[in-house]
Protein backbone atom coordinates (compact mmCIF):
# COMPACT_ATOMS: atom_id res chain seq x y z
CA MET A 1 -9.45 19.03 -3.19
CA ASN A 2 -11.74 20.46 -0.54
CA ASN A 3 -10.73 24.10 -0.02
CA LEU A 4 -11.62 24.56 3.63
CA ARG A 5 -10.77 27.97 5.01
CA ASP A 6 -10.44 27.20 8.70
CA ARG A 7 -7.04 27.93 10.24
CA THR A 8 -5.91 26.08 13.33
CA SER A 9 -2.94 27.20 15.41
CA PHE A 10 -1.19 25.21 18.14
CA LYS A 11 1.77 25.88 20.44
CA SER A 12 4.74 23.56 20.68
CA THR A 13 6.70 23.41 23.93
CA LYS A 14 9.65 21.54 22.40
CA GLY A 15 12.93 23.44 22.46
CA PRO A 16 14.17 26.41 24.51
CA SER A 17 11.38 28.75 23.34
CA MET A 18 7.74 28.51 22.38
CA THR A 19 7.28 27.82 18.67
CA GLU A 20 3.98 28.45 16.97
CA ILE A 21 2.69 25.65 14.79
CA VAL A 22 0.12 26.62 12.19
CA VAL A 23 -1.94 23.90 10.49
CA THR A 24 -3.87 24.90 7.38
CA PRO A 25 -5.56 23.11 4.49
CA ALA A 26 -3.39 22.86 1.38
CA SER A 27 -5.62 24.97 -0.83
CA SER A 28 -3.24 26.07 -3.57
CA GLY A 29 -0.99 24.48 -6.15
CA ARG A 30 2.05 25.58 -4.17
CA ASP A 31 0.66 23.99 -1.02
CA LEU A 32 0.08 20.70 -2.84
CA ARG A 33 3.63 20.86 -4.19
CA ASP A 34 4.92 21.26 -0.63
CA PHE A 35 2.70 18.36 0.45
CA ILE A 36 4.12 16.10 -2.26
CA ARG A 37 7.75 17.06 -1.77
CA PHE A 38 7.91 17.01 2.04
CA PRO A 39 8.98 13.32 2.29
CA LEU A 40 12.06 14.02 0.15
CA LYS A 41 13.41 16.33 2.86
CA HIS A 42 11.94 14.42 5.77
CA TYR A 43 13.74 11.18 4.82
CA ALA A 44 16.81 12.72 3.19
CA GLN A 45 19.14 11.11 5.75
CA ASP A 46 17.38 7.74 5.82
CA PRO A 47 19.30 5.26 3.65
CA LEU A 48 16.38 2.83 3.30
CA PHE A 49 13.61 5.23 2.26
CA VAL A 50 12.49 4.98 -1.37
CA PRO A 51 10.70 8.10 -2.66
CA HIS A 52 7.88 8.07 -5.16
CA LEU A 53 8.58 9.69 -8.50
CA ILE A 54 7.44 13.30 -8.24
CA TYR A 55 5.63 13.20 -11.57
CA GLU A 56 3.78 10.06 -10.47
CA ARG A 57 2.67 11.74 -7.23
CA LYS A 58 1.39 14.76 -9.14
CA LYS A 59 -0.68 12.43 -11.30
CA PHE A 60 -1.87 10.46 -8.27
CA PHE A 61 -3.15 13.57 -6.51
CA SER A 62 -4.68 15.12 -9.62
CA PRO A 63 -8.48 15.22 -10.09
CA SER A 64 -8.12 12.64 -12.89
CA ASN A 65 -7.47 9.90 -10.32
CA PRO A 66 -10.70 7.82 -10.31
CA ILE A 67 -10.57 7.51 -6.52
CA PHE A 68 -11.73 11.12 -6.19
CA GLN A 69 -15.08 10.18 -7.69
CA PHE A 70 -16.01 8.77 -4.28
CA THR A 71 -13.37 10.17 -1.91
CA ASP A 72 -13.66 13.60 -0.27
CA VAL A 73 -10.23 14.70 0.94
CA VAL A 74 -8.68 17.63 2.76
CA TYR A 75 -4.89 18.00 2.75
CA PHE A 76 -3.29 19.58 5.82
CA LEU A 77 0.19 21.07 6.24
CA ALA A 78 1.86 22.03 9.52
CA ARG A 79 4.33 24.92 9.38
CA ASN A 80 6.39 26.87 11.90
CA GLU A 81 6.47 30.66 12.22
CA GLN A 82 9.05 30.88 9.44
CA GLY A 83 6.85 28.90 7.06
CA ARG A 84 8.93 25.72 7.12
CA VAL A 85 6.85 22.57 6.64
CA LEU A 86 6.92 20.34 9.72
CA GLY A 87 4.38 17.73 8.70
CA ARG A 88 1.41 16.72 6.60
CA VAL A 89 -1.73 14.57 6.75
CA THR A 90 -4.98 13.99 4.88
CA ALA A 91 -8.47 13.72 6.33
CA HIS A 92 -10.60 11.83 3.83
CA ILE A 93 -13.95 10.10 3.58
CA ASN A 94 -14.30 7.12 1.28
CA GLU A 95 -18.00 6.89 0.45
CA ARG A 96 -17.67 3.40 -1.05
CA HIS A 97 -16.07 2.11 2.15
CA ASN A 98 -18.80 3.49 4.37
CA ARG A 99 -21.57 2.15 2.15
CA HIS A 100 -19.93 -1.30 1.99
CA ALA A 101 -19.14 -1.48 5.74
CA GLY A 102 -22.17 0.40 7.03
CA GLU A 103 -19.94 2.80 8.97
CA LYS A 104 -19.36 6.50 9.48
CA THR A 105 -15.59 6.17 9.42
CA GLY A 106 -13.21 8.88 8.29
CA PHE A 107 -9.60 8.19 7.46
CA PHE A 108 -6.24 9.83 7.80
CA GLY A 109 -3.35 9.17 5.47
CA PHE A 110 -0.02 10.34 4.05
CA PHE A 111 1.02 11.22 7.61
CA GLU A 112 4.55 12.52 8.00
CA CYS A 113 5.90 14.80 10.70
CA THR A 114 8.96 15.77 12.68
CA ASP A 115 9.68 14.00 15.95
CA ASP A 116 7.55 16.43 17.95
CA GLU A 117 4.33 15.41 19.71
CA ALA A 118 3.00 18.96 19.44
CA VAL A 119 3.29 18.87 15.64
CA ALA A 120 1.63 15.45 15.46
CA SER A 121 -1.12 16.64 17.80
CA ALA A 122 -1.74 19.74 15.71
CA LEU A 123 -2.02 17.71 12.52
CA MET A 124 -4.26 15.01 13.95
CA THR A 125 -6.47 17.51 15.78
CA ALA A 126 -7.07 19.28 12.48
CA ALA A 127 -7.84 15.97 10.74
CA GLU A 128 -10.19 14.87 13.52
CA LYS A 129 -12.01 18.21 13.50
CA SER A 130 -12.43 18.07 9.73
CA LEU A 131 -13.91 14.56 9.81
CA ARG A 132 -16.12 15.26 12.81
CA GLU A 133 -17.60 18.29 11.06
CA ARG A 134 -18.43 16.06 8.09
CA GLY A 135 -20.41 13.65 10.26
CA MET A 136 -17.85 10.92 10.94
CA THR A 137 -17.77 9.11 14.28
CA LEU A 138 -14.44 7.26 13.95
CA ILE A 139 -11.02 8.03 12.47
CA ARG A 140 -8.80 5.20 11.19
CA GLY A 141 -5.47 5.02 9.42
CA PRO A 142 -3.08 5.54 7.93
CA PHE A 143 -4.60 4.73 4.53
CA ASN A 144 -3.23 6.33 1.35
CA PHE A 145 -6.21 6.45 0.42
CA SER A 146 -7.64 2.96 1.16
CA THR A 147 -6.64 -0.65 1.72
CA ASN A 148 -6.15 -0.81 -2.05
CA GLU A 149 -3.18 1.57 -1.69
CA GLU A 150 -0.29 1.96 0.75
CA CYS A 151 -1.36 1.72 4.38
CA GLY A 152 -0.07 1.30 7.92
CA PHE A 153 2.80 2.57 10.06
CA LEU A 154 5.86 0.34 10.17
CA VAL A 155 6.30 -1.18 13.65
CA GLN A 156 8.79 -3.94 12.80
CA GLY A 157 11.41 -4.22 10.07
CA PHE A 158 13.03 -0.79 10.11
CA ASP A 159 16.31 -2.44 9.11
CA ARG A 160 14.83 -3.76 5.84
CA PRO A 161 14.28 -1.81 2.61
CA PRO A 162 10.65 -1.45 1.52
CA PHE A 163 9.35 -3.37 -1.46
CA LEU A 164 7.47 -1.84 -4.37
CA MET A 165 4.32 0.10 -3.37
CA MET A 166 4.86 -0.52 0.35
CA PRO A 167 5.50 2.33 2.81
CA TYR A 168 8.56 2.96 4.91
CA THR A 169 7.77 5.19 7.89
CA LYS A 170 9.58 6.71 10.85
CA ALA A 171 10.15 4.55 13.93
CA TYR A 172 8.65 7.15 16.25
CA TYR A 173 5.24 7.30 14.55
CA PRO A 174 3.63 4.43 16.52
CA ASP A 175 4.58 6.06 19.82
CA LEU A 176 3.16 9.39 18.67
CA MET A 177 -0.13 7.72 17.78
CA THR A 178 -0.37 6.03 21.17
CA ARG A 179 0.31 9.28 23.01
CA LEU A 180 -2.44 10.96 20.99
CA GLY A 181 -5.00 8.40 22.13
CA TYR A 182 -5.00 6.12 19.09
CA GLU A 183 -5.30 2.36 19.52
CA LYS A 184 -4.23 -0.54 17.33
CA VAL A 185 -7.03 -2.01 15.27
CA LYS A 186 -5.15 -4.36 12.93
CA ASP A 187 -1.63 -5.47 11.99
CA LEU A 188 -0.64 -6.13 8.37
CA LEU A 189 2.16 -8.64 7.82
CA ALA A 190 4.82 -8.65 5.13
CA TYR A 191 6.30 -12.12 4.56
CA GLU A 192 9.77 -12.46 3.08
CA TYR A 193 11.18 -15.45 1.27
CA GLN A 194 14.77 -16.15 0.28
CA TYR A 195 15.43 -18.97 -2.18
CA GLN A 196 17.44 -21.70 -0.48
CA GLY A 197 18.32 -23.80 -3.53
CA SER A 198 15.04 -25.68 -3.89
CA ILE A 199 11.32 -25.27 -3.27
CA PRO A 200 10.32 -27.22 -0.12
CA ASP A 201 9.40 -30.78 -1.09
CA HIS A 202 6.13 -30.81 0.86
CA LEU A 203 4.91 -27.80 -1.14
CA VAL A 204 5.92 -29.49 -4.39
CA GLN A 205 4.02 -32.65 -3.48
CA PHE A 206 0.96 -30.82 -2.16
CA SER A 207 0.74 -28.63 -5.26
CA ARG A 208 0.99 -31.66 -7.52
CA ARG A 209 -1.89 -33.40 -5.70
CA ILE A 210 -4.10 -30.29 -5.82
CA ARG A 211 -3.41 -29.78 -9.51
CA GLU A 212 -4.28 -33.38 -10.35
CA ARG A 213 -7.25 -33.92 -8.02
CA LYS A 214 -8.95 -30.58 -8.57
CA GLN A 215 -7.99 -30.30 -12.23
CA ILE A 216 -6.78 -26.74 -11.70
CA VAL A 217 -4.95 -24.95 -14.49
CA ILE A 218 -2.65 -22.03 -13.63
CA ARG A 219 -1.85 -19.75 -16.54
CA PRO A 220 0.05 -16.47 -16.90
CA ILE A 221 -1.78 -13.44 -18.22
CA ASN A 222 -1.71 -12.90 -21.95
CA MET A 223 -0.25 -9.49 -22.78
CA LYS A 224 -1.97 -9.64 -26.18
CA ARG A 225 -5.27 -9.88 -24.29
CA PHE A 226 -4.19 -7.60 -21.47
CA VAL A 227 -7.49 -5.70 -21.19
CA GLU A 228 -9.54 -8.89 -21.06
CA ASP A 229 -7.30 -10.50 -18.44
CA VAL A 230 -7.32 -7.31 -16.34
CA GLU A 231 -11.13 -7.42 -16.35
CA THR A 232 -10.98 -11.05 -15.22
CA ILE A 233 -8.66 -10.19 -12.33
CA PHE A 234 -10.86 -7.21 -11.44
CA ARG A 235 -13.92 -9.45 -11.06
CA LEU A 236 -11.94 -12.06 -9.10
CA TYR A 237 -10.49 -9.43 -6.79
CA ASN A 238 -13.82 -7.91 -5.78
CA SER A 239 -15.28 -11.37 -5.24
CA ALA A 240 -12.32 -12.89 -3.36
CA TRP A 241 -11.70 -9.91 -1.08
CA SER A 242 -15.29 -8.84 -0.40
CA LYS A 243 -15.38 -10.21 3.18
CA ASN A 244 -11.85 -9.09 4.15
CA TRP A 245 -11.42 -6.56 6.93
CA GLY A 246 -11.17 -3.02 5.58
CA PHE A 247 -12.06 -4.01 2.03
CA VAL A 248 -13.23 -1.27 -0.30
CA PRO A 249 -14.81 -2.46 -3.57
CA VAL A 250 -12.73 -1.27 -6.50
CA THR A 251 -14.47 0.36 -9.44
CA GLU A 252 -13.68 -0.89 -12.92
CA GLU A 253 -12.32 2.53 -13.86
CA GLU A 254 -10.06 2.57 -10.81
CA PHE A 255 -8.75 -0.93 -11.53
CA ARG A 256 -8.13 -0.20 -15.20
CA ALA A 257 -6.22 2.99 -14.37
CA ALA A 258 -3.98 1.10 -11.94
CA ALA A 259 -3.40 -1.69 -14.47
CA LYS A 260 -2.50 0.84 -17.17
CA ASP A 261 0.07 2.46 -14.87
CA LEU A 262 1.59 -0.90 -13.93
CA LYS A 263 1.60 -2.45 -17.39
CA PRO A 264 5.12 -1.19 -18.30
CA ILE A 265 6.64 -3.04 -15.34
CA VAL A 266 4.58 -6.24 -15.53
CA ASP A 267 6.40 -9.54 -15.97
CA PRO A 268 3.53 -11.65 -17.38
CA SER A 269 5.10 -14.93 -16.31
CA ILE A 270 4.34 -14.17 -12.63
CA VAL A 271 0.88 -12.63 -12.95
CA LEU A 272 -1.31 -15.72 -12.75
CA ILE A 273 -4.93 -16.77 -13.19
CA ALA A 274 -6.25 -20.08 -11.80
CA GLU A 275 -8.96 -21.82 -13.80
CA LYS A 276 -11.29 -24.72 -13.04
CA ASP A 277 -12.98 -26.22 -16.12
CA GLY A 278 -12.06 -23.06 -18.01
CA LYS A 279 -13.64 -20.78 -15.37
CA PRO A 280 -11.39 -18.26 -13.53
CA VAL A 281 -11.45 -19.02 -9.79
CA GLY A 282 -8.29 -17.37 -8.44
CA PHE A 283 -5.43 -15.05 -9.25
CA SER A 284 -2.14 -13.64 -8.04
CA VAL A 285 -0.28 -10.50 -9.07
CA THR A 286 3.48 -10.39 -8.56
CA LEU A 287 5.74 -7.61 -9.84
CA PRO A 288 9.49 -7.14 -10.06
CA ASP A 289 10.63 -4.94 -7.18
CA TYR A 290 11.34 -1.71 -9.00
CA ASN A 291 12.18 -0.05 -5.70
CA VAL A 292 15.70 -1.29 -6.40
CA LEU A 293 15.80 1.22 -9.27
CA LEU A 294 13.55 3.93 -7.81
CA LYS A 295 15.95 4.29 -4.89
CA LYS A 296 18.67 5.41 -7.29
CA MET A 297 16.35 7.93 -8.97
CA ASN A 298 15.53 9.88 -5.77
CA GLY A 299 12.08 10.85 -7.01
CA ARG A 300 13.19 12.22 -10.36
CA LEU A 301 12.77 10.73 -13.81
CA PHE A 302 14.98 13.36 -15.48
CA PRO A 303 17.64 14.12 -16.43
CA PHE A 304 19.13 10.66 -15.79
CA GLY A 305 16.60 8.76 -13.69
CA PHE A 306 14.89 7.21 -16.70
CA LEU A 307 18.16 5.50 -17.63
CA HIS A 308 17.94 3.40 -14.48
CA MET A 309 14.46 2.27 -15.51
CA LEU A 310 15.53 1.65 -19.08
CA PHE A 311 18.65 -0.40 -18.42
CA GLY A 312 18.26 -1.66 -14.86
CA ARG A 313 15.40 -4.13 -15.11
CA ARG A 314 17.64 -7.16 -15.56
CA SER A 315 19.37 -6.34 -12.29
CA ILE A 316 16.15 -6.86 -10.31
CA LYS A 317 16.33 -10.19 -8.51
CA ARG A 318 13.44 -9.81 -6.09
CA VAL A 319 9.67 -9.51 -6.44
CA ARG A 320 6.60 -8.50 -4.48
CA THR A 321 3.33 -10.43 -4.54
CA LEU A 322 0.82 -7.66 -3.92
CA LEU A 323 -2.49 -9.36 -4.71
CA MET A 324 -3.77 -12.89 -4.37
CA GLY A 325 -7.27 -14.25 -4.01
CA VAL A 326 -9.57 -17.21 -4.53
CA VAL A 327 -13.33 -16.92 -5.01
CA PRO A 328 -15.29 -18.03 -1.90
CA GLU A 329 -16.58 -21.35 -3.26
CA TYR A 330 -13.00 -22.59 -3.91
CA ARG A 331 -11.30 -21.00 -0.90
CA LEU A 332 -10.52 -24.25 0.94
CA SER A 333 -9.43 -26.21 -2.12
CA GLY A 334 -5.70 -25.49 -1.93
CA ILE A 335 -5.63 -23.11 -4.91
CA ASP A 336 -3.88 -20.47 -2.80
CA ALA A 337 -0.98 -22.85 -2.18
CA LEU A 338 -0.90 -23.70 -5.88
CA LEU A 339 -0.65 -20.01 -6.78
CA VAL A 340 2.18 -19.57 -4.27
CA TYR A 341 4.04 -22.58 -5.67
CA ASP A 342 3.63 -21.55 -9.33
CA THR A 343 4.67 -17.98 -8.58
CA PHE A 344 7.95 -19.17 -7.13
CA GLU A 345 8.57 -21.85 -9.75
CA ARG A 346 8.00 -19.39 -12.61
CA GLY A 347 9.84 -16.62 -10.78
CA LEU A 348 12.90 -18.76 -10.27
CA ALA A 349 12.93 -19.54 -13.99
CA ARG A 350 13.02 -15.79 -14.62
CA GLY A 351 15.99 -15.26 -12.30
CA TYR A 352 14.24 -13.91 -9.20
CA ARG A 353 15.71 -15.19 -5.95
CA SER A 354 13.76 -13.47 -3.17
CA GLY A 355 10.43 -11.86 -2.61
CA GLU A 356 7.89 -10.33 -0.30
CA MET A 357 4.24 -11.30 0.00
CA SER A 358 2.47 -8.27 1.35
CA TRP A 359 0.37 -7.51 2.93
CA VAL A 360 -1.46 -10.29 4.83
CA LEU A 361 -3.94 -9.63 7.64
CA GLU A 362 -2.64 -10.91 10.96
CA ASP A 363 -5.76 -13.07 11.40
CA ASN A 364 -5.80 -14.48 7.85
CA VAL A 365 -4.74 -17.99 8.82
CA LEU A 366 -5.67 -19.49 5.46
CA MET A 367 -3.12 -17.27 3.71
CA ARG A 368 -0.47 -17.31 6.40
CA ARG A 369 -0.32 -21.11 6.64
CA PRO A 370 0.97 -21.91 3.10
CA LEU A 371 3.47 -19.04 3.28
CA GLU A 372 4.93 -20.28 6.56
CA ARG A 373 4.99 -23.89 5.36
CA MET A 374 7.00 -22.69 2.38
CA GLY A 375 9.55 -21.17 4.75
CA ALA A 376 8.53 -17.52 4.43
CA GLN A 377 9.05 -15.39 7.55
CA ILE A 378 7.53 -12.15 8.76
CA GLY A 379 9.95 -9.38 7.78
CA LYS A 380 7.84 -6.32 8.48
CA ILE A 381 4.69 -5.47 10.40
CA TYR A 382 2.51 -2.47 9.56
CA ARG A 383 -0.09 -1.21 12.04
CA ILE A 384 -3.47 0.45 11.56
CA TYR A 385 -4.82 2.73 14.31
CA GLU A 386 -8.20 4.21 15.13
CA LYS A 387 -9.84 6.62 17.56
CA VAL A 388 -13.43 7.49 18.41
CA LEU A 389 -14.28 11.04 17.38
């Protein structure tokens, strides 16, 4: 954590009297605790919000997270005169992103605030100032902390519960961003699919032809060789996604840490690797939607939250496909459609009946086409904003 000592104060004109808003870096353990816990109060009356487990957030923000090896972050909190937290945001620089993209872009993330433009302005002004002083020329977000994590403000689908590892944000955030001079740079789409009794026949036939003509083998990961298969997916991911908008190359340490955290909830039958002549050429990662259980836990593993995790897995009937990719030389060979088909065929055999494929770039026609032909529909849209500093 970067312990900046600057203190920025702003005045809010909302309400019958002037209220001072003080934005300061979260430079103590207590500040970081307030930063982590703010969403629990902020969304307390929202029936669809699913909080992270508090212990998981503490681990995520700890120095042991590999992302901090190349990410310089400042955490900001906005408080009123009585010390009550009104909002939060990060201002961070991802060195790997800027090297890969050849940019001087800073990012904001983890944005939450009350429905008050003055509070939002105070937070974003502090974030912009912090990034500008560190040499950045553009601010973009929200990213928590990169495209490899949660990102975007929800702009469509507020009536739908979020799937695992996808954000759910306040409906007034997009308007706040616009009023503060931020412009849309990209929309991220979340496709939903509800099983209708059979997989569309055209997808069945197309997948059969691709499998036979291209001699493609789709296999599930082997939990006995978990480390080896994770390394395979790591290499495929960095190769398949390297030209995607906003991509940040993942380090092997970062990928291994994420895989270790996710291993307890993996259903190996729906984490797939595509092979051509024994060579890995594509992959997809689908997980049971544990948000169904996390919602009941309200951010706490103890004293009874762990029981939901222990006994509730069989009640999960929906999944989220969070990663899918094909190496460039096989991108137009239909392997993506084959991965989609096999994910649903194997998922149905395991009792899953609905799912979300998220996220997909709005201009990624090659990925959107097989999803729409399968009958998937856009359920949510998340938006990324930017502003010149």
